[in-house]
Amino acid sequence: MALPQENNSITYAEYLKLDEDIQYEVIDGQIFNMSPSPSVKHQAIAMEISTEFNIYLRSKSCRVLAEIDVCLCGEKDNSKVKEWVNPDIVIVCDKNKINKNRIAGAPDLIVEILSKSTAKTDRMIKFNRYQRAGVKEYWIVDPAHETIDVYILESEFYKHDGTYANDEVIEVNIFDDLTVNLKNIFREEIDPLY
């Protein structure tokens, strides 16, 4: 099945019929191609952040998931969903939002790791869409500069909580007792040959 040029002619149910190697996001009627695969550094950072979250969440009801489709509107019927994203990492505390193939509703926290092809989308388009959907906390990770910008939802708008770098520690706002030390996230430079 070929991907249509306009969002108004594709639903999430139709998207699921596409070749499994094809990944797209649809945001506010615009289709975004998700290829090529992320760089090794991108994937290593995602693994380190996921590990930090996973260790903390092992005995708790929230779940950390990576690269899963998220239908922010919360619609359960795939044939009615006309918008979805595929963040690098999500934390979901409402188990009713977790379905077999996707998340239906706004996650509690989303992490996006920038690449040259996604920086504008992550910083502007997704920022606004996540804010509108009610995602409580949004992290934008810049692998090139080894920084993380943290945004906290307050009164329906994101407040910039800070830009973190080096050995700084981020206090995860959605939890009272979780901190993430960036020295665990941005470890030694990964050899580009691997």
C-alpha atoms as a PDB file:
ATOM      1  CA  MET A   1       0.000   0.000   0.000  1.00  0.00           C
ATOM      2  CA  ALA A   2       1.487   3.356  -1.048  1.00  0.00           C
ATOM      3  CA  LEU A   3       1.489   6.170   1.470  1.00  0.00           C
ATOM      4  CA  PRO A   4      -0.899   8.987   0.494  1.00  0.00           C
ATOM      5  CA  GLN A   5       0.371  12.561   0.277  1.00  0.00           C
ATOM      6  CA  GLU A   6      -2.342  14.019   2.497  1.00  0.00           C
ATOM      7  CA  ASN A   7      -3.192  12.913   6.032  1.00  0.00           C
ATOM      8  CA  ASN A   8      -6.948  13.137   5.458  1.00  0.00           C
ATOM      9  CA  SER A   9      -6.746   9.925   3.424  1.00  0.00           C
ATOM     10  CA  ILE A  10      -4.772   7.763   5.874  1.00  0.00           C
ATOM     11  CA  THR A  11      -5.743   6.374   9.229  1.00  0.00           C
ATOM     12  CA  TYR A  12      -3.665   4.491  11.766  1.00  0.00           C
ATOM     13  CA  ALA A  13      -5.456   1.280  10.692  1.00  0.00           C
ATOM     14  CA  GLU A  14      -4.260   1.850   7.093  1.00  0.00           C
ATOM     15  CA  TYR A  15      -0.754   2.676   8.327  1.00  0.00           C
ATOM     16  CA  LEU A  16      -0.585  -0.687  10.108  1.00  0.00           C
ATOM     17  CA  LYS A  17      -1.089  -2.386   6.718  1.00  0.00           C
ATOM     18  CA  LEU A  18       2.078  -0.784   5.279  1.00  0.00           C
ATOM     19  CA  ASP A  19       5.371  -2.638   5.042  1.00  0.00           C
ATOM     20  CA  GLU A  20       6.784  -3.114   8.568  1.00  0.00           C
ATOM     21  CA  ASP A  21      10.041  -1.431   7.506  1.00  0.00           C
ATOM     22  CA  ILE A  22       8.202   1.820   6.790  1.00  0.00           C
ATOM     23  CA  GLN A  23       7.832   4.196   9.723  1.00  0.00           C
ATOM     24  CA  TYR A  24       5.877   7.430   9.615  1.00  0.00           C
ATOM     25  CA  GLU A  25       4.459   9.941  12.016  1.00  0.00           C
ATOM     26  CA  VAL A  26       1.464  12.139  11.265  1.00  0.00           C
ATOM     27  CA  ILE A  27       1.220  15.415  13.181  1.00  0.00           C
ATOM     28  CA  ASP A  28      -1.413  18.067  12.528  1.00  0.00           C
ATOM     29  CA  GLY A  29      -2.066  16.650   9.064  1.00  0.00           C
ATOM     30  CA  GLN A  30       1.584  16.482   7.993  1.00  0.00           C
ATOM     31  CA  ILE A  31       3.331  13.161   7.261  1.00  0.00           C
ATOM     32  CA  PHE A  32       6.900  12.720   8.521  1.00  0.00           C
ATOM     33  CA  ASN A  33       9.138   9.901   7.288  1.00  0.00           C
ATOM     34  CA  MET A  34      11.088   8.333  10.178  1.00  0.00           C
ATOM     35  CA  SER A  35      14.015   6.883   8.212  1.00  0.00           C
ATOM     36  CA  PRO A  36      16.934   6.415   8.213  1.00  0.00           C
ATOM     37  CA  SER A  37      17.706   4.595  11.454  1.00  0.00           C
ATOM     38  CA  PRO A  38      19.185   6.694  14.276  1.00  0.00           C
ATOM     39  CA  SER A  39      22.961   6.956  14.723  1.00  0.00           C
ATOM     40  CA  VAL A  40      24.888   4.786  17.160  1.00  0.00           C
ATOM     41  CA  LYS A  41      25.310   7.738  19.561  1.00  0.00           C
ATOM     42  CA  HIS A  42      21.564   8.455  19.381  1.00  0.00           C
ATOM     43  CA  GLN A  43      20.773   4.835  20.217  1.00  0.00           C
ATOM     44  CA  ALA A  44      23.365   4.677  23.019  1.00  0.00           C
ATOM     45  CA  ILE A  45      21.898   7.794  24.662  1.00  0.00           C
ATOM     46  CA  ALA A  46      18.385   6.359  24.346  1.00  0.00           C
ATOM     47  CA  MET A  47      19.532   3.133  26.011  1.00  0.00           C
ATOM     48  CA  GLU A  48      21.198   4.987  28.898  1.00  0.00           C
ATOM     49  CA  ILE A  49      18.130   7.160  29.572  1.00  0.00           C
ATOM     50  CA  SER A  50      15.842   4.121  29.316  1.00  0.00           C
ATOM     51  CA  THR A  51      18.077   2.235  31.751  1.00  0.00           C
ATOM     52  CA  GLU A  52      17.889   5.054  34.312  1.00  0.00           C
ATOM     53  CA  PHE A  53      14.085   5.120  34.048  1.00  0.00           C
ATOM     54  CA  ASN A  54      13.729   1.331  33.961  1.00  0.00           C
ATOM     55  CA  ILE A  55      15.734   0.725  37.134  1.00  0.00           C
ATOM     56  CA  TYR A  56      13.622   3.275  38.996  1.00  0.00           C
ATOM     57  CA  LEU A  57      10.287   2.005  37.628  1.00  0.00           C
ATOM     58  CA  ARG A  58      10.829  -1.747  38.179  1.00  0.00           C
ATOM     59  CA  SER A  59       8.642  -1.937  41.277  1.00  0.00           C
ATOM     60  CA  LYS A  60       6.243   0.847  40.272  1.00  0.00           C
ATOM     61  CA  SER A  61       3.120   1.008  38.156  1.00  0.00           C
ATOM     62  CA  CYS A  62       4.533   3.321  35.448  1.00  0.00           C
ATOM     63  CA  ARG A  63       6.186   1.882  32.325  1.00  0.00           C
ATOM     64  CA  VAL A  64       9.051   3.125  30.184  1.00  0.00           C
ATOM     65  CA  LEU A  65       8.763   2.264  26.489  1.00  0.00           C
ATOM     66  CA  ALA A  66      10.929   3.109  23.489  1.00  0.00           C
ATOM     67  CA  GLU A  67      10.029   3.805  19.878  1.00  0.00           C
ATOM     68  CA  ILE A  68       6.356   3.002  20.197  1.00  0.00           C
ATOM     69  CA  ASP A  69       3.540   4.697  18.320  1.00  0.00           C
ATOM     70  CA  VAL A  70       1.620   7.205  20.426  1.00  0.00           C
ATOM     71  CA  CYS A  71      -1.839   8.382  19.437  1.00  0.00           C
ATOM     72  CA  LEU A  72      -2.081  11.533  21.548  1.00  0.00           C
ATOM     73  CA  CYS A  73      -5.848  11.903  21.107  1.00  0.00           C
ATOM     74  CA  GLY A  74      -6.542   8.731  23.103  1.00  0.00           C
ATOM     75  CA  GLU A  75      -8.853   7.232  20.465  1.00  0.00           C
ATOM     76  CA  LYS A  76      -9.029   3.431  20.775  1.00  0.00           C
ATOM     77  CA  ASP A  77     -10.418   2.714  17.278  1.00  0.00           C
ATOM     78  CA  ASN A  78      -7.455   2.569  14.841  1.00  0.00           C
ATOM     79  CA  SER A  79      -9.702   3.461  11.893  1.00  0.00           C
ATOM     80  CA  LYS A  80     -10.495   6.830  13.520  1.00  0.00           C
ATOM     81  CA  VAL A  81      -6.923   7.782  14.441  1.00  0.00           C
ATOM     82  CA  LYS A  82      -5.422  10.262  11.957  1.00  0.00           C
ATOM     83  CA  GLU A  83      -2.437  11.425  13.971  1.00  0.00           C
ATOM     84  CA  TRP A  84       0.391   9.595  15.759  1.00  0.00           C
ATOM     85  CA  VAL A  85       4.002  10.100  16.795  1.00  0.00           C
ATOM     86  CA  ASN A  86       6.847   7.724  17.558  1.00  0.00           C
ATOM     87  CA  PRO A  87       8.957   9.273  20.336  1.00  0.00           C
ATOM     88  CA  ASP A  88      12.341   7.902  21.313  1.00  0.00           C
ATOM     89  CA  ILE A  89      11.229   7.226  24.918  1.00  0.00           C
ATOM     90  CA  VAL A  90       7.931   7.542  26.801  1.00  0.00           C
ATOM     91  CA  ILE A  91       6.840   6.998  30.367  1.00  0.00           C
ATOM     92  CA  VAL A  92       3.196   6.036  30.820  1.00  0.00           C
ATOM     93  CA  CYS A  93       1.643   5.765  34.287  1.00  0.00           C
ATOM     94  CA  ASP A  94      -1.948   5.014  33.219  1.00  0.00           C
ATOM     95  CA  LYS A  95      -1.996   1.344  32.142  1.00  0.00           C
ATOM     96  CA  ASN A  96      -5.317   1.909  30.342  1.00  0.00           C
ATOM     97  CA  LYS A  97      -3.378   3.914  27.738  1.00  0.00           C
ATOM     98  CA  ILE A  98      -1.120   0.969  26.859  1.00  0.00           C
ATOM     99  CA  ASN A  99      -2.499  -1.090  23.972  1.00  0.00           C
ATOM    100  CA  LYS A 100      -1.002  -3.966  22.007  1.00  0.00           C
ATOM    101  CA  ASN A 101       0.712  -1.841  19.322  1.00  0.00           C
ATOM    102  CA  ARG A 102       0.551   1.715  20.626  1.00  0.00           C
ATOM    103  CA  ILE A 103      -0.158   4.181  23.399  1.00  0.00           C
ATOM    104  CA  ALA A 104      -3.628   5.769  23.288  1.00  0.00           C
ATOM    105  CA  GLY A 105      -3.392   9.131  25.040  1.00  0.00           C
ATOM    106  CA  ALA A 106      -0.695  11.490  26.265  1.00  0.00           C
ATOM    107  CA  PRO A 107       2.259   9.857  28.052  1.00  0.00           C
ATOM    108  CA  ASP A 108       3.418  11.423  31.319  1.00  0.00           C
ATOM    109  CA  LEU A 109       6.934  12.074  29.985  1.00  0.00           C
ATOM    110  CA  ILE A 110       8.401  12.066  26.479  1.00  0.00           C
ATOM    111  CA  VAL A 111      12.076  12.137  25.468  1.00  0.00           C
ATOM    112  CA  GLU A 112      13.103  13.086  21.933  1.00  0.00           C
ATOM    113  CA  ILE A 113      16.741  12.784  20.857  1.00  0.00           C
ATOM    114  CA  LEU A 114      17.662  15.268  18.141  1.00  0.00           C
ATOM    115  CA  SER A 115      19.192  14.397  14.799  1.00  0.00           C
ATOM    116  CA  LYS A 116      19.862  16.691  11.849  1.00  0.00           C
ATOM    117  CA  SER A 117      16.672  15.541  10.159  1.00  0.00           C
ATOM    118  CA  THR A 118      14.416  15.804  13.246  1.00  0.00           C
ATOM    119  CA  ALA A 119      15.676  18.866  15.171  1.00  0.00           C
ATOM    120  CA  LYS A 120      13.099  21.314  13.796  1.00  0.00           C
ATOM    121  CA  THR A 121      10.248  18.843  14.210  1.00  0.00           C
ATOM    122  CA  ASP A 122      11.246  17.944  17.789  1.00  0.00           C
ATOM    123  CA  ARG A 123      11.865  21.547  18.892  1.00  0.00           C
ATOM    124  CA  MET A 124       8.826  23.148  17.276  1.00  0.00           C
ATOM    125  CA  ILE A 125       6.141  20.875  15.851  1.00  0.00           C
ATOM    126  CA  LYS A 126       6.287  18.107  18.452  1.00  0.00           C
ATOM    127  CA  PHE A 127       6.917  20.610  21.254  1.00  0.00           C
ATOM    128  CA  ASN A 128       3.624  22.363  20.440  1.00  0.00           C
ATOM    129  CA  ARG A 129       1.735  19.111  19.876  1.00  0.00           C
ATOM    130  CA  TYR A 130       2.939  17.533  23.133  1.00  0.00           C
ATOM    131  CA  GLN A 131       2.082  20.714  25.008  1.00  0.00           C
ATOM    132  CA  ARG A 132      -1.418  20.743  23.515  1.00  0.00           C
ATOM    133  CA  ALA A 133      -1.894  17.034  24.333  1.00  0.00           C
ATOM    134  CA  GLY A 134      -0.977  17.556  27.993  1.00  0.00           C
ATOM    135  CA  VAL A 135       2.344  15.663  28.175  1.00  0.00           C
ATOM    136  CA  LYS A 136       3.507  16.639  31.684  1.00  0.00           C
ATOM    137  CA  GLU A 137       7.250  16.609  30.999  1.00  0.00           C
ATOM    138  CA  TYR A 138       9.194  16.848  27.747  1.00  0.00           C
ATOM    139  CA  TRP A 139      12.952  16.305  27.361  1.00  0.00           C
ATOM    140  CA  ILE A 140      14.832  17.349  24.229  1.00  0.00           C
ATOM    141  CA  VAL A 141      18.258  15.699  24.071  1.00  0.00           C
ATOM    142  CA  ASP A 142      20.983  17.255  21.923  1.00  0.00           C
ATOM    143  CA  PRO A 143      23.650  14.572  21.294  1.00  0.00           C
ATOM    144  CA  ALA A 144      25.982  16.984  19.473  1.00  0.00           C
ATOM    145  CA  HIS A 145      26.232  19.355  22.451  1.00  0.00           C
ATOM    146  CA  GLU A 146      25.481  16.685  25.086  1.00  0.00           C
ATOM    147  CA  THR A 147      22.694  18.698  26.679  1.00  0.00           C
ATOM    148  CA  ILE A 148      19.128  18.019  27.748  1.00  0.00           C
ATOM    149  CA  ASP A 149      16.427  20.715  27.762  1.00  0.00           C
ATOM    150  CA  VAL A 150      13.620  19.930  30.202  1.00  0.00           C
ATOM    151  CA  TYR A 151      10.127  21.394  29.862  1.00  0.00           C
ATOM    152  CA  ILE A 152       7.425  21.089  32.520  1.00  0.00           C
ATOM    153  CA  LEU A 153       3.727  21.587  31.737  1.00  0.00           C
ATOM    154  CA  GLU A 154       2.257  24.363  33.887  1.00  0.00           C
ATOM    155  CA  SER A 155      -1.208  25.812  33.256  1.00  0.00           C
ATOM    156  CA  GLU A 156      -1.358  24.188  29.796  1.00  0.00           C
ATOM    157  CA  PHE A 157       1.993  25.662  28.663  1.00  0.00           C
ATOM    158  CA  TYR A 158       5.551  24.372  28.848  1.00  0.00           C
ATOM    159  CA  LYS A 159       7.922  26.158  31.212  1.00  0.00           C
ATOM    160  CA  HIS A 160      11.609  25.687  30.468  1.00  0.00           C
ATOM    161  CA  ASP A 161      12.963  24.013  33.603  1.00  0.00           C
ATOM    162  CA  GLY A 162      16.570  24.231  32.449  1.00  0.00           C
ATOM    163  CA  THR A 163      19.309  23.126  30.093  1.00  0.00           C
ATOM    164  CA  TYR A 164      21.460  20.429  31.691  1.00  0.00           C
ATOM    165  CA  ALA A 165      24.988  19.395  30.675  1.00  0.00           C
ATOM    166  CA  ASN A 166      28.207  17.765  31.892  1.00  0.00           C
ATOM    167  CA  ASP A 167      27.782  16.137  35.321  1.00  0.00           C
ATOM    168  CA  GLU A 168      24.584  17.978  36.215  1.00  0.00           C
ATOM    169  CA  VAL A 169      21.620  16.134  37.687  1.00  0.00           C
ATOM    170  CA  ILE A 170      18.038  16.376  36.437  1.00  0.00           C
ATOM    171  CA  GLU A 171      15.255  16.036  38.978  1.00  0.00           C
ATOM    172  CA  VAL A 172      12.484  14.217  37.119  1.00  0.00           C
ATOM    173  CA  ASN A 173       9.427  16.355  37.815  1.00  0.00           C
ATOM    174  CA  ILE A 174       6.777  13.637  37.455  1.00  0.00           C
ATOM    175  CA  PHE A 175       8.391  11.661  40.302  1.00  0.00           C
ATOM    176  CA  ASP A 176       9.329  12.923  43.765  1.00  0.00           C
ATOM    177  CA  ASP A 177      12.489  10.876  44.194  1.00  0.00           C
ATOM    178  CA  LEU A 178      14.062  10.260  40.764  1.00  0.00           C
ATOM    179  CA  THR A 179      17.154  12.059  39.551  1.00  0.00           C
ATOM    180  CA  VAL A 180      19.211  11.401  36.425  1.00  0.00           C
ATOM    181  CA  ASN A 181      22.913  12.222  36.438  1.00  0.00           C
ATOM    182  CA  LEU A 182      24.093  13.227  32.982  1.00  0.00           C
ATOM    183  CA  LYS A 183      27.490  11.600  33.491  1.00  0.00           C
ATOM    184  CA  ASN A 184      25.562   8.299  33.133  1.00  0.00           C
ATOM    185  CA  ILE A 185      23.886   9.468  29.914  1.00  0.00           C
ATOM    186  CA  PHE A 186      26.743  11.102  28.006  1.00  0.00           C
ATOM    187  CA  ARG A 187      29.518   8.642  28.676  1.00  0.00           C
ATOM    188  CA  GLU A 188      32.746   8.506  26.680  1.00  0.00           C
ATOM    189  CA  GLU A 189      32.405   9.160  22.970  1.00  0.00           C
ATOM    190  CA  ILE A 190      31.362   6.042  21.106  1.00  0.00           C
ATOM    191  CA  ASP A 191      33.692   4.907  18.340  1.00  0.00           C
ATOM    192  CA  PRO A 192      31.851   5.756  15.084  1.00  0.00           C
ATOM    193  CA  LEU A 193      33.021   2.472  13.541  1.00  0.00           C
ATOM    194  CA  TYR A 194      30.667   0.505  15.845  1.00  0.00           C
END
